[in-house]
Amino acid sequence: MRRKKLERERVWRKRLKAFRGLRGSRIILLAISAVFLFLVSHCGGGTPPPPVVPKAKTPVAEKKKAEPVQVAEKKEVAKKEEPEFSYNPAGKADPFKPFIQLAPEKLPKSAFLTPLQKYDISQLKLVAIIMLPEGNVALVEDQQGRGYFLKRGTAIGRRDGKVKSILKDRVIIEEAFSDVFGQAKMNEISLFLHRPEEGGES
């Protein structure tokens, strides 16, 4: 009786072990299947994310870029419309030159200068006029009081002046000068025997 009882206990123990082994394998299979389903649902089974659409450029930026081009085109049109101005100075007087141009000091052509040609006419003083049938003669003095006789054609002054005529009260001298156009002109200078500011009869 005791042996039978021991054998029964052994049989039950074997069955329990087998049942426990089957139960553990089922639990493992269920866990593996759950993990597999989780991976499939999150990796490939879900819906794909929506595609990223690039933002369209705002029309304000395009307008800002287009505006400088329009301004440049307007400037080019304005430059083309401006008339070209050109000044031709040929035959016209120089506006920067004075109307009255002093003649440069013109030296006599001859190499030998007389004492009268070394003085400016304003430095000479008419002191006497002698009336003669063959021609009048005048007497002038320099600043040092030295006297010189003049007759018609006598060279006098630093600008190649010449005595044109000797009258009873004055001596008329001609000097050459250049006008604003560069043309040669003759200037008359009179030396009076009695200067107007000093009074006396002329």
N, C-alpha and C. Protein backbone atom coordinates (compact mmCIF):
# COMPACT_ATOMS: atom_id res chain seq x y z
N MET A 1 0.82 -1.20 0.00
CA MET A 1 0.00 0.00 0.00
C MET A 1 0.86 1.26 0.00
N ARG A 2 1.87 1.16 0.74
CA ARG A 2 2.78 2.32 0.83
C ARG A 2 3.45 2.57 -0.50
N ARG A 3 3.82 1.55 -1.24
CA ARG A 3 4.47 1.71 -2.54
C ARG A 3 3.51 2.36 -3.53
N LYS A 4 2.29 1.92 -3.52
CA LYS A 4 1.32 2.48 -4.44
C LYS A 4 1.13 3.96 -4.18
N LYS A 5 1.12 4.27 -2.91
CA LYS A 5 0.95 5.67 -2.55
C LYS A 5 2.12 6.52 -3.04
N LEU A 6 3.34 5.97 -2.89
CA LEU A 6 4.54 6.69 -3.33
C LEU A 6 4.54 6.86 -4.84
N GLU A 7 4.11 5.85 -5.57
CA GLU A 7 4.09 5.92 -7.04
C GLU A 7 3.10 6.97 -7.51
N ARG A 8 1.95 7.02 -6.82
CA ARG A 8 0.94 8.01 -7.20
C ARG A 8 1.49 9.43 -7.01
N GLU A 9 2.19 9.61 -5.88
CA GLU A 9 2.76 10.93 -5.62
C GLU A 9 3.76 11.31 -6.72
N ARG A 10 4.56 10.33 -7.16
CA ARG A 10 5.54 10.60 -8.23
C ARG A 10 4.85 10.96 -9.52
N VAL A 11 3.76 10.25 -9.83
CA VAL A 11 3.03 10.54 -11.07
C VAL A 11 2.46 11.94 -11.03
N TRP A 12 1.86 12.33 -9.91
CA TRP A 12 1.29 13.67 -9.78
C TRP A 12 2.36 14.77 -9.87
N ARG A 13 3.48 14.46 -9.27
CA ARG A 13 4.57 15.45 -9.35
C ARG A 13 5.02 15.66 -10.79
N LYS A 14 5.13 14.57 -11.56
CA LYS A 14 5.53 14.68 -12.98
C LYS A 14 4.52 15.49 -13.77
N ARG A 15 3.22 15.23 -13.48
CA ARG A 15 2.17 15.95 -14.20
C ARG A 15 2.21 17.45 -13.88
N LEU A 16 2.45 17.72 -12.55
CA LEU A 16 2.54 19.13 -12.16
C LEU A 16 3.70 19.84 -12.88
N LYS A 17 4.82 19.12 -12.94
CA LYS A 17 5.99 19.72 -13.62
C LYS A 17 5.70 19.97 -15.10
N ALA A 18 5.02 18.98 -15.72
CA ALA A 18 4.71 19.14 -17.14
C ALA A 18 3.75 20.29 -17.35
N PHE A 19 2.73 20.38 -16.46
CA PHE A 19 1.75 21.47 -16.57
C PHE A 19 2.41 22.83 -16.39
N ARG A 20 3.30 22.87 -15.38
CA ARG A 20 4.00 24.14 -15.15
C ARG A 20 4.87 24.52 -16.35
N GLY A 21 5.52 23.51 -16.96
CA GLY A 21 6.35 23.82 -18.15
C GLY A 21 5.53 24.34 -19.30
N LEU A 22 4.35 23.70 -19.52
CA LEU A 22 3.48 24.17 -20.60
C LEU A 22 2.97 25.59 -20.32
N ARG A 23 2.62 25.83 -19.06
CA ARG A 23 2.10 27.14 -18.70
C ARG A 23 3.15 28.23 -18.91
N GLY A 24 4.42 27.93 -18.52
CA GLY A 24 5.50 28.94 -18.72
C GLY A 24 5.76 29.21 -20.19
N SER A 25 5.69 28.15 -21.01
CA SER A 25 5.94 28.36 -22.45
C SER A 25 4.84 29.19 -23.07
N ARG A 26 3.58 29.02 -22.62
CA ARG A 26 2.48 29.82 -23.15
C ARG A 26 2.66 31.30 -22.80
N ILE A 27 3.07 31.53 -21.56
CA ILE A 27 3.28 32.92 -21.15
C ILE A 27 4.37 33.58 -21.99
N ILE A 28 5.45 32.80 -22.26
CA ILE A 28 6.54 33.35 -23.08
C ILE A 28 6.05 33.65 -24.48
N LEU A 29 5.24 32.72 -25.06
CA LEU A 29 4.72 32.95 -26.41
C LEU A 29 3.83 34.18 -26.46
N LEU A 30 2.98 34.34 -25.44
CA LEU A 30 2.11 35.52 -25.41
C LEU A 30 2.92 36.82 -25.31
N ALA A 31 3.97 36.79 -24.50
CA ALA A 31 4.80 38.00 -24.37
C ALA A 31 5.50 38.34 -25.67
N ILE A 32 6.02 37.30 -26.37
CA ILE A 32 6.72 37.54 -27.65
C ILE A 32 5.75 38.10 -28.67
N SER A 33 4.52 37.50 -28.72
CA SER A 33 3.55 37.99 -29.70
C SER A 33 3.14 39.44 -29.41
N ALA A 34 3.02 39.78 -28.10
CA ALA A 34 2.66 41.16 -27.75
C ALA A 34 3.74 42.16 -28.17
N VAL A 35 5.01 41.77 -27.95
CA VAL A 35 6.12 42.66 -28.36
C VAL A 35 6.15 42.82 -29.86
N PHE A 36 5.92 41.71 -30.59
CA PHE A 36 5.93 41.77 -32.05
C PHE A 36 4.85 42.70 -32.57
N LEU A 37 3.64 42.56 -31.99
CA LEU A 37 2.55 43.44 -32.41
C LEU A 37 2.86 44.91 -32.12
N PHE A 38 3.49 45.18 -30.98
CA PHE A 38 3.84 46.56 -30.63
C PHE A 38 4.83 47.16 -31.64
N LEU A 39 5.85 46.35 -31.98
CA LEU A 39 6.85 46.84 -32.94
C LEU A 39 6.24 47.09 -34.31
N VAL A 40 5.37 46.15 -34.73
CA VAL A 40 4.75 46.32 -36.06
C VAL A 40 3.87 47.55 -36.09
N SER A 41 3.12 47.79 -35.01
CA SER A 41 2.21 48.94 -35.01
C SER A 41 2.95 50.27 -35.00
N HIS A 42 4.12 50.36 -34.37
CA HIS A 42 4.85 51.61 -34.27
C HIS A 42 5.86 51.83 -35.39
N CYS A 43 6.35 50.79 -36.00
CA CYS A 43 7.38 50.94 -37.06
C CYS A 43 6.77 51.00 -38.44
N GLY A 44 5.98 50.09 -38.81
CA GLY A 44 5.50 50.06 -40.20
C GLY A 44 4.02 50.09 -40.33
N GLY A 45 3.33 49.81 -39.29
CA GLY A 45 1.89 49.68 -39.42
C GLY A 45 1.14 50.97 -39.30
N GLY A 46 1.72 52.04 -38.71
CA GLY A 46 1.01 53.30 -38.50
C GLY A 46 0.89 54.12 -39.76
N THR A 47 0.09 55.15 -39.71
CA THR A 47 -0.06 56.04 -40.87
C THR A 47 1.18 56.92 -40.99
N PRO A 48 1.69 57.13 -42.22
CA PRO A 48 2.89 57.96 -42.40
C PRO A 48 2.59 59.42 -42.07
N PRO A 49 3.60 60.16 -41.55
CA PRO A 49 3.38 61.58 -41.22
C PRO A 49 3.13 62.40 -42.47
N PRO A 50 2.38 63.47 -42.37
CA PRO A 50 2.08 64.29 -43.57
C PRO A 50 3.36 64.94 -44.11
N PRO A 51 3.48 65.04 -45.45
CA PRO A 51 4.70 65.63 -46.04
C PRO A 51 4.80 67.12 -45.70
N VAL A 52 6.05 67.57 -45.52
CA VAL A 52 6.31 68.97 -45.19
C VAL A 52 6.20 69.81 -46.45
N VAL A 53 5.29 70.75 -46.47
CA VAL A 53 5.07 71.62 -47.63
C VAL A 53 5.86 72.90 -47.43
N PRO A 54 6.76 73.30 -48.38
CA PRO A 54 7.52 74.56 -48.22
C PRO A 54 6.59 75.76 -48.28
N LYS A 55 6.88 76.72 -47.43
CA LYS A 55 6.06 77.93 -47.37
C LYS A 55 6.24 78.76 -48.64
N ALA A 56 5.15 79.21 -49.17
CA ALA A 56 5.20 80.04 -50.37
C ALA A 56 5.70 81.44 -50.01
N LYS A 57 6.47 82.05 -50.94
CA LYS A 57 6.99 83.40 -50.70
C LYS A 57 5.85 84.41 -50.68
N THR A 58 5.93 85.28 -49.73
CA THR A 58 4.89 86.30 -49.61
C THR A 58 5.01 87.31 -50.75
N PRO A 59 3.92 87.80 -51.26
CA PRO A 59 3.98 88.79 -52.35
C PRO A 59 4.63 90.10 -51.94
N VAL A 60 4.70 90.39 -50.63
CA VAL A 60 5.31 91.65 -50.18
C VAL A 60 6.79 91.66 -50.50
N ALA A 61 7.46 90.52 -50.26
CA ALA A 61 8.89 90.44 -50.56
C ALA A 61 9.15 90.60 -52.05
N GLU A 62 8.27 90.00 -52.88
CA GLU A 62 8.46 90.11 -54.33
C GLU A 62 8.29 91.56 -54.78
N LYS A 63 7.34 92.27 -54.17
CA LYS A 63 7.14 93.68 -54.53
C LYS A 63 8.36 94.51 -54.16
N LYS A 64 8.95 94.20 -52.98
CA LYS A 64 10.12 94.96 -52.55
C LYS A 64 11.28 94.75 -53.50
N LYS A 65 11.42 93.54 -54.02
CA LYS A 65 12.50 93.29 -54.97
C LYS A 65 12.24 93.95 -56.31
N ALA A 66 10.98 94.05 -56.71
CA ALA A 66 10.66 94.60 -58.02
C ALA A 66 10.72 96.12 -58.03
N GLU A 67 10.51 96.78 -56.89
CA GLU A 67 10.50 98.25 -56.86
C GLU A 67 11.82 98.88 -57.27
N PRO A 68 13.01 98.43 -56.78
CA PRO A 68 14.28 99.05 -57.21
C PRO A 68 14.49 98.98 -58.70
N VAL A 69 14.03 97.93 -59.34
CA VAL A 69 14.20 97.81 -60.79
C VAL A 69 13.41 98.90 -61.49
N GLN A 70 12.18 99.15 -61.02
CA GLN A 70 11.37 100.19 -61.63
C GLN A 70 11.99 101.56 -61.46
N VAL A 71 12.56 101.85 -60.29
CA VAL A 71 13.22 103.14 -60.04
C VAL A 71 14.40 103.32 -60.96
N ALA A 72 15.19 102.24 -61.13
CA ALA A 72 16.35 102.33 -62.02
C ALA A 72 15.92 102.60 -63.45
N GLU A 73 14.81 101.95 -63.88
CA GLU A 73 14.34 102.18 -65.24
C GLU A 73 13.89 103.63 -65.43
N LYS A 74 13.21 104.20 -64.39
CA LYS A 74 12.78 105.60 -64.50
C LYS A 74 13.97 106.53 -64.59
N LYS A 75 15.04 106.25 -63.82
CA LYS A 75 16.23 107.10 -63.87
C LYS A 75 16.88 107.05 -65.25
N GLU A 76 16.93 105.85 -65.84
CA GLU A 76 17.52 105.73 -67.17
C GLU A 76 16.72 106.53 -68.19
N VAL A 77 15.39 106.49 -68.09
CA VAL A 77 14.55 107.25 -69.03
C VAL A 77 14.78 108.74 -68.85
N ALA A 78 14.91 109.20 -67.58
CA ALA A 78 15.15 110.62 -67.33
C ALA A 78 16.48 111.06 -67.89
N LYS A 79 17.50 110.22 -67.77
CA LYS A 79 18.81 110.57 -68.31
C LYS A 79 18.77 110.68 -69.83
N LYS A 80 18.02 109.81 -70.47
CA LYS A 80 17.95 109.85 -71.93
C LYS A 80 17.21 111.10 -72.40
N GLU A 81 16.21 111.56 -71.62
CA GLU A 81 15.43 112.71 -72.04
C GLU A 81 16.15 114.04 -71.85
N GLU A 82 17.20 114.08 -70.99
CA GLU A 82 17.90 115.34 -70.74
C GLU A 82 18.65 115.78 -72.00
N PRO A 83 18.43 117.01 -72.48
CA PRO A 83 19.15 117.48 -73.67
C PRO A 83 20.61 117.80 -73.35
N GLU A 84 21.46 117.50 -74.29
CA GLU A 84 22.89 117.79 -74.11
C GLU A 84 23.16 119.26 -74.43
N PHE A 85 23.89 119.92 -73.55
CA PHE A 85 24.22 121.34 -73.73
C PHE A 85 25.71 121.48 -73.96
N SER A 86 26.05 122.16 -75.02
CA SER A 86 27.47 122.39 -75.32
C SER A 86 27.67 123.87 -75.63
N TYR A 87 28.74 124.43 -75.12
CA TYR A 87 29.05 125.84 -75.30
C TYR A 87 30.23 125.98 -76.25
N ASN A 88 30.03 126.77 -77.30
CA ASN A 88 31.09 127.00 -78.27
C ASN A 88 31.58 128.43 -78.10
N PRO A 89 32.78 128.62 -77.56
CA PRO A 89 33.26 129.99 -77.31
C PRO A 89 33.84 130.68 -78.54
N ALA A 90 33.77 130.02 -79.71
CA ALA A 90 34.38 130.62 -80.90
C ALA A 90 33.68 131.91 -81.27
N GLY A 91 34.44 132.96 -81.46
CA GLY A 91 33.90 134.26 -81.86
C GLY A 91 33.21 135.04 -80.76
N LYS A 92 33.32 134.56 -79.51
CA LYS A 92 32.68 135.25 -78.39
C LYS A 92 33.74 135.75 -77.42
N ALA A 93 33.42 136.84 -76.75
CA ALA A 93 34.37 137.42 -75.79
C ALA A 93 34.42 136.57 -74.53
N ASP A 94 35.59 136.50 -73.94
CA ASP A 94 35.77 135.77 -72.70
C ASP A 94 35.08 136.53 -71.57
N PRO A 95 34.06 135.94 -70.90
CA PRO A 95 33.35 136.69 -69.84
C PRO A 95 34.21 136.97 -68.62
N PHE A 96 35.33 136.28 -68.47
CA PHE A 96 36.18 136.47 -67.30
C PHE A 96 37.25 137.55 -67.51
N LYS A 97 37.38 138.03 -68.74
CA LYS A 97 38.35 139.10 -69.00
C LYS A 97 37.70 140.45 -68.74
N PRO A 98 38.42 141.42 -68.18
CA PRO A 98 37.84 142.75 -67.96
C PRO A 98 37.61 143.47 -69.28
N PHE A 99 36.59 144.36 -69.29
CA PHE A 99 36.30 145.12 -70.51
C PHE A 99 37.42 146.09 -70.85
N ILE A 100 38.03 146.65 -69.82
CA ILE A 100 39.15 147.57 -70.04
C ILE A 100 40.42 146.83 -69.70
N GLN A 101 41.20 146.55 -70.71
CA GLN A 101 42.44 145.81 -70.52
C GLN A 101 43.62 146.76 -70.70
N LEU A 102 44.45 146.85 -69.68
CA LEU A 102 45.63 147.70 -69.77
C LEU A 102 46.64 147.07 -70.72
N ALA A 103 47.19 147.91 -71.57
CA ALA A 103 48.18 147.41 -72.53
C ALA A 103 49.47 147.08 -71.81
N PRO A 104 50.08 145.95 -72.12
CA PRO A 104 51.37 145.64 -71.51
C PRO A 104 52.43 146.64 -71.96
N GLU A 105 53.40 146.79 -71.13
CA GLU A 105 54.46 147.75 -71.45
C GLU A 105 55.22 147.28 -72.69
N LYS A 106 55.09 148.02 -73.75
CA LYS A 106 55.70 147.66 -75.02
C LYS A 106 57.02 148.39 -75.18
N LEU A 107 58.08 147.63 -75.27
CA LEU A 107 59.40 148.24 -75.41
C LEU A 107 59.64 148.69 -76.84
N PRO A 108 60.36 149.75 -77.05
CA PRO A 108 60.68 150.19 -78.42
C PRO A 108 61.47 149.13 -79.17
N LYS A 109 61.31 149.16 -80.50
CA LYS A 109 61.99 148.17 -81.34
C LYS A 109 63.50 148.39 -81.36
N SER A 110 63.92 149.64 -81.29
CA SER A 110 65.36 149.91 -81.36
C SER A 110 66.04 149.49 -80.07
N ALA A 111 67.27 149.02 -80.19
CA ALA A 111 68.02 148.57 -79.01
C ALA A 111 68.44 149.76 -78.16
N PHE A 112 68.68 150.90 -78.78
CA PHE A 112 69.13 152.08 -78.05
C PHE A 112 67.92 152.89 -77.60
N LEU A 113 67.78 153.09 -76.30
CA LEU A 113 66.66 153.84 -75.76
C LEU A 113 67.13 155.23 -75.37
N THR A 114 66.33 156.21 -75.77
CA THR A 114 66.60 157.59 -75.36
C THR A 114 66.14 157.77 -73.92
N PRO A 115 66.61 158.81 -73.24
CA PRO A 115 66.14 159.05 -71.86
C PRO A 115 64.62 159.20 -71.77
N LEU A 116 64.00 159.80 -72.81
CA LEU A 116 62.55 159.97 -72.78
C LEU A 116 61.80 158.64 -72.85
N GLN A 117 62.43 157.60 -73.45
CA GLN A 117 61.78 156.30 -73.56
C GLN A 117 61.90 155.46 -72.28
N LYS A 118 62.66 155.94 -71.32
CA LYS A 118 62.81 155.23 -70.06
C LYS A 118 61.81 155.70 -69.01
N TYR A 119 61.05 156.74 -69.35
CA TYR A 119 60.07 157.30 -68.42
C TYR A 119 58.66 156.97 -68.90
N ASP A 120 57.78 156.85 -67.93
CA ASP A 120 56.36 156.80 -68.28
C ASP A 120 55.90 158.23 -68.53
N ILE A 121 54.92 158.41 -69.43
CA ILE A 121 54.48 159.76 -69.80
C ILE A 121 53.95 160.52 -68.59
N SER A 122 53.34 159.80 -67.65
CA SER A 122 52.81 160.48 -66.46
C SER A 122 53.91 161.04 -65.57
N GLN A 123 55.17 160.61 -65.78
CA GLN A 123 56.29 161.11 -64.99
C GLN A 123 56.92 162.38 -65.58
N LEU A 124 56.43 162.81 -66.74
CA LEU A 124 56.98 164.00 -67.41
C LEU A 124 56.01 165.17 -67.26
N LYS A 125 56.59 166.38 -67.24
CA LYS A 125 55.80 167.60 -67.06
C LYS A 125 56.12 168.57 -68.18
N LEU A 126 55.08 169.08 -68.85
CA LEU A 126 55.24 170.06 -69.92
C LEU A 126 55.41 171.45 -69.29
N VAL A 127 56.56 172.08 -69.59
CA VAL A 127 56.87 173.38 -68.95
C VAL A 127 56.89 174.54 -69.96
N ALA A 128 57.04 174.25 -71.28
CA ALA A 128 57.10 175.37 -72.25
C ALA A 128 56.80 174.85 -73.65
N ILE A 129 56.25 175.75 -74.49
CA ILE A 129 56.01 175.47 -75.90
C ILE A 129 56.54 176.66 -76.70
N ILE A 130 57.38 176.39 -77.68
CA ILE A 130 57.97 177.44 -78.53
C ILE A 130 57.33 177.33 -79.91
N MET A 131 56.67 178.40 -80.36
CA MET A 131 56.02 178.42 -81.66
C MET A 131 57.03 178.86 -82.72
N LEU A 132 57.37 178.01 -83.67
CA LEU A 132 58.34 178.29 -84.74
C LEU A 132 57.69 178.04 -86.09
N PRO A 133 58.14 178.78 -87.13
CA PRO A 133 57.57 178.58 -88.47
C PRO A 133 57.79 177.16 -88.99
N GLU A 134 58.96 176.59 -88.73
CA GLU A 134 59.26 175.24 -89.22
C GLU A 134 58.63 174.13 -88.37
N GLY A 135 58.02 174.50 -87.27
CA GLY A 135 57.37 173.50 -86.41
C GLY A 135 57.52 173.85 -84.95
N ASN A 136 56.50 173.63 -84.20
CA ASN A 136 56.54 173.96 -82.78
C ASN A 136 57.44 172.99 -82.02
N VAL A 137 58.03 173.51 -80.93
CA VAL A 137 58.91 172.72 -80.07
C VAL A 137 58.39 172.84 -78.63
N ALA A 138 58.41 171.69 -77.92
CA ALA A 138 57.94 171.68 -76.52
C ALA A 138 59.09 171.29 -75.61
N LEU A 139 59.02 171.75 -74.37
CA LEU A 139 60.04 171.43 -73.36
C LEU A 139 59.35 170.71 -72.19
N VAL A 140 59.86 169.50 -71.88
CA VAL A 140 59.33 168.73 -70.75
C VAL A 140 60.43 168.49 -69.74
N GLU A 141 60.04 168.25 -68.50
CA GLU A 141 60.99 167.96 -67.43
C GLU A 141 60.63 166.64 -66.77
N ASP A 142 61.68 165.90 -66.32
CA ASP A 142 61.45 164.68 -65.55
C ASP A 142 61.35 165.03 -64.07
N GLN A 143 61.27 164.01 -63.23
CA GLN A 143 61.10 164.25 -61.80
C GLN A 143 62.35 164.83 -61.13
N GLN A 144 63.50 164.68 -61.80
CA GLN A 144 64.74 165.26 -61.27
C GLN A 144 64.97 166.70 -61.75
N GLY A 145 64.05 167.21 -62.61
CA GLY A 145 64.18 168.57 -63.11
C GLY A 145 65.00 168.69 -64.37
N ARG A 146 65.38 167.59 -64.99
CA ARG A 146 66.13 167.66 -66.25
C ARG A 146 65.16 167.90 -67.41
N GLY A 147 65.57 168.78 -68.34
CA GLY A 147 64.70 169.16 -69.44
C GLY A 147 65.01 168.42 -70.73
N TYR A 148 63.95 168.20 -71.55
CA TYR A 148 64.07 167.51 -72.84
C TYR A 148 63.17 168.23 -73.84
N PHE A 149 63.68 168.43 -75.05
CA PHE A 149 62.92 169.08 -76.12
C PHE A 149 62.16 168.03 -76.93
N LEU A 150 60.94 168.41 -77.30
CA LEU A 150 60.09 167.53 -78.10
C LEU A 150 59.71 168.22 -79.40
N LYS A 151 59.63 167.44 -80.44
CA LYS A 151 59.08 167.91 -81.70
C LYS A 151 58.24 166.77 -82.29
N ARG A 152 57.57 167.06 -83.39
CA ARG A 152 56.67 166.06 -83.96
C ARG A 152 57.48 164.83 -84.38
N GLY A 153 56.98 163.59 -83.94
CA GLY A 153 57.66 162.33 -84.27
C GLY A 153 58.66 161.87 -83.23
N THR A 154 58.91 162.66 -82.18
CA THR A 154 59.87 162.27 -81.15
C THR A 154 59.33 161.06 -80.38
N ALA A 155 60.19 160.04 -80.19
CA ALA A 155 59.81 158.85 -79.40
C ALA A 155 59.80 159.22 -77.92
N ILE A 156 58.75 158.79 -77.24
CA ILE A 156 58.59 159.14 -75.84
C ILE A 156 57.78 158.05 -75.13
N GLY A 157 58.11 157.80 -73.88
CA GLY A 157 57.35 156.82 -73.09
C GLY A 157 57.83 155.39 -73.26
N ARG A 158 57.39 154.53 -72.33
CA ARG A 158 57.82 153.13 -72.32
C ARG A 158 57.02 152.24 -73.26
N ARG A 159 55.91 152.77 -73.81
CA ARG A 159 55.05 151.95 -74.66
C ARG A 159 55.14 152.37 -76.13
N ASP A 160 56.33 152.72 -76.53
CA ASP A 160 56.59 153.06 -77.93
C ASP A 160 55.69 154.22 -78.39
N GLY A 161 55.55 155.26 -77.53
CA GLY A 161 54.76 156.42 -77.89
C GLY A 161 55.54 157.39 -78.78
N LYS A 162 54.77 158.19 -79.52
CA LYS A 162 55.37 159.20 -80.40
C LYS A 162 54.56 160.48 -80.31
N VAL A 163 55.27 161.63 -80.48
CA VAL A 163 54.61 162.93 -80.44
C VAL A 163 53.83 163.10 -81.75
N LYS A 164 52.52 163.25 -81.64
CA LYS A 164 51.67 163.41 -82.82
C LYS A 164 51.59 164.87 -83.25
N SER A 165 51.39 165.76 -82.31
CA SER A 165 51.30 167.19 -82.63
C SER A 165 51.60 168.01 -81.39
N ILE A 166 52.07 169.26 -81.66
CA ILE A 166 52.36 170.21 -80.58
C ILE A 166 51.52 171.45 -80.82
N LEU A 167 50.58 171.69 -79.95
CA LEU A 167 49.71 172.85 -80.05
C LEU A 167 50.20 173.94 -79.12
N LYS A 168 49.48 175.06 -79.10
CA LYS A 168 49.94 176.19 -78.29
C LYS A 168 49.83 175.94 -76.79
N ASP A 169 48.95 174.98 -76.39
CA ASP A 169 48.76 174.74 -74.96
C ASP A 169 48.96 173.28 -74.55
N ARG A 170 49.27 172.41 -75.51
CA ARG A 170 49.38 171.00 -75.16
C ARG A 170 50.24 170.25 -76.17
N VAL A 171 50.66 169.06 -75.77
CA VAL A 171 51.37 168.12 -76.64
C VAL A 171 50.54 166.84 -76.67
N ILE A 172 50.23 166.37 -77.89
CA ILE A 172 49.44 165.14 -78.05
C ILE A 172 50.38 164.00 -78.42
N ILE A 173 50.30 162.93 -77.65
CA ILE A 173 51.18 161.76 -77.84
C ILE A 173 50.30 160.54 -78.12
N GLU A 174 50.74 159.71 -79.08
CA GLU A 174 50.03 158.47 -79.42
C GLU A 174 50.79 157.26 -78.86
N GLU A 175 50.05 156.35 -78.21
CA GLU A 175 50.62 155.11 -77.70
C GLU A 175 49.79 153.93 -78.23
N ALA A 176 50.47 152.85 -78.56
CA ALA A 176 49.79 151.64 -79.05
C ALA A 176 49.37 150.77 -77.85
N PHE A 177 48.18 150.16 -77.98
CA PHE A 177 47.71 149.21 -76.95
C PHE A 177 46.83 148.17 -77.63
N SER A 178 46.52 147.09 -76.91
CA SER A 178 45.68 146.00 -77.42
C SER A 178 44.36 146.01 -76.66
N ASP A 179 43.23 145.84 -77.42
CA ASP A 179 41.92 145.81 -76.77
C ASP A 179 41.63 144.40 -76.26
N VAL A 180 40.39 144.18 -75.80
CA VAL A 180 40.02 142.89 -75.21
C VAL A 180 40.05 141.76 -76.24
N PHE A 181 39.97 142.09 -77.52
CA PHE A 181 40.02 141.09 -78.58
C PHE A 181 41.43 140.88 -79.11
N GLY A 182 42.41 141.59 -78.52
CA GLY A 182 43.79 141.43 -78.94
C GLY A 182 44.17 142.24 -80.17
N GLN A 183 43.30 143.16 -80.58
CA GLN A 183 43.59 143.99 -81.75
C GLN A 183 44.35 145.25 -81.33
N ALA A 184 45.29 145.65 -82.17
CA ALA A 184 46.12 146.82 -81.88
C ALA A 184 45.30 148.10 -82.05
N LYS A 185 45.38 148.98 -81.06
CA LYS A 185 44.69 150.26 -81.09
C LYS A 185 45.67 151.37 -80.71
N MET A 186 45.30 152.59 -81.04
CA MET A 186 46.12 153.74 -80.70
C MET A 186 45.39 154.57 -79.63
N ASN A 187 46.14 154.96 -78.62
CA ASN A 187 45.59 155.76 -77.53
C ASN A 187 46.28 157.12 -77.51
N GLU A 188 45.49 158.17 -77.42
CA GLU A 188 46.04 159.53 -77.39
C GLU A 188 46.14 160.03 -75.95
N ILE A 189 47.31 160.58 -75.62
CA ILE A 189 47.55 161.16 -74.30
C ILE A 189 47.99 162.61 -74.49
N SER A 190 47.41 163.49 -73.72
CA SER A 190 47.72 164.93 -73.84
C SER A 190 48.47 165.41 -72.61
N LEU A 191 49.57 166.13 -72.87
CA LEU A 191 50.30 166.83 -71.81
C LEU A 191 49.96 168.31 -71.94
N PHE A 192 49.36 168.89 -70.90
CA PHE A 192 48.94 170.29 -70.95
C PHE A 192 50.03 171.19 -70.38
N LEU A 193 50.12 172.36 -71.01
CA LEU A 193 51.07 173.36 -70.51
C LEU A 193 50.60 173.87 -69.16
N HIS A 194 49.33 174.12 -69.02
CA HIS A 194 48.75 174.48 -67.73
C HIS A 194 47.69 173.41 -67.42
N ARG A 195 47.91 172.62 -66.43
CA ARG A 195 46.98 171.53 -66.12
C ARG A 195 45.64 172.11 -65.67
N PRO A 196 44.54 171.45 -66.03
CA PRO A 196 43.21 171.97 -65.66
C PRO A 196 43.03 172.16 -64.17
N GLU A 197 43.57 171.26 -63.33
CA GLU A 197 43.39 171.41 -61.89
C GLU A 197 44.19 172.57 -61.32
N GLU A 198 45.24 173.02 -62.05
CA GLU A 198 46.05 174.13 -61.57
C GLU A 198 45.46 175.47 -61.98
N GLY A 199 44.48 175.49 -62.89
CA GLY A 199 43.88 176.73 -63.37
C GLY A 199 44.74 177.32 -64.47
N GLY A 200 44.44 178.54 -64.89
CA GLY A 200 45.21 179.20 -65.95
C GLY A 200 44.52 179.04 -67.28
N GLU A 201 44.97 179.82 -68.24
CA GLU A 201 44.38 179.77 -69.58
C GLU A 201 45.01 178.65 -70.37
N SER A 202 44.16 177.99 -71.18
CA SER A 202 44.65 176.90 -72.02
C SER A 202 44.91 177.41 -73.41
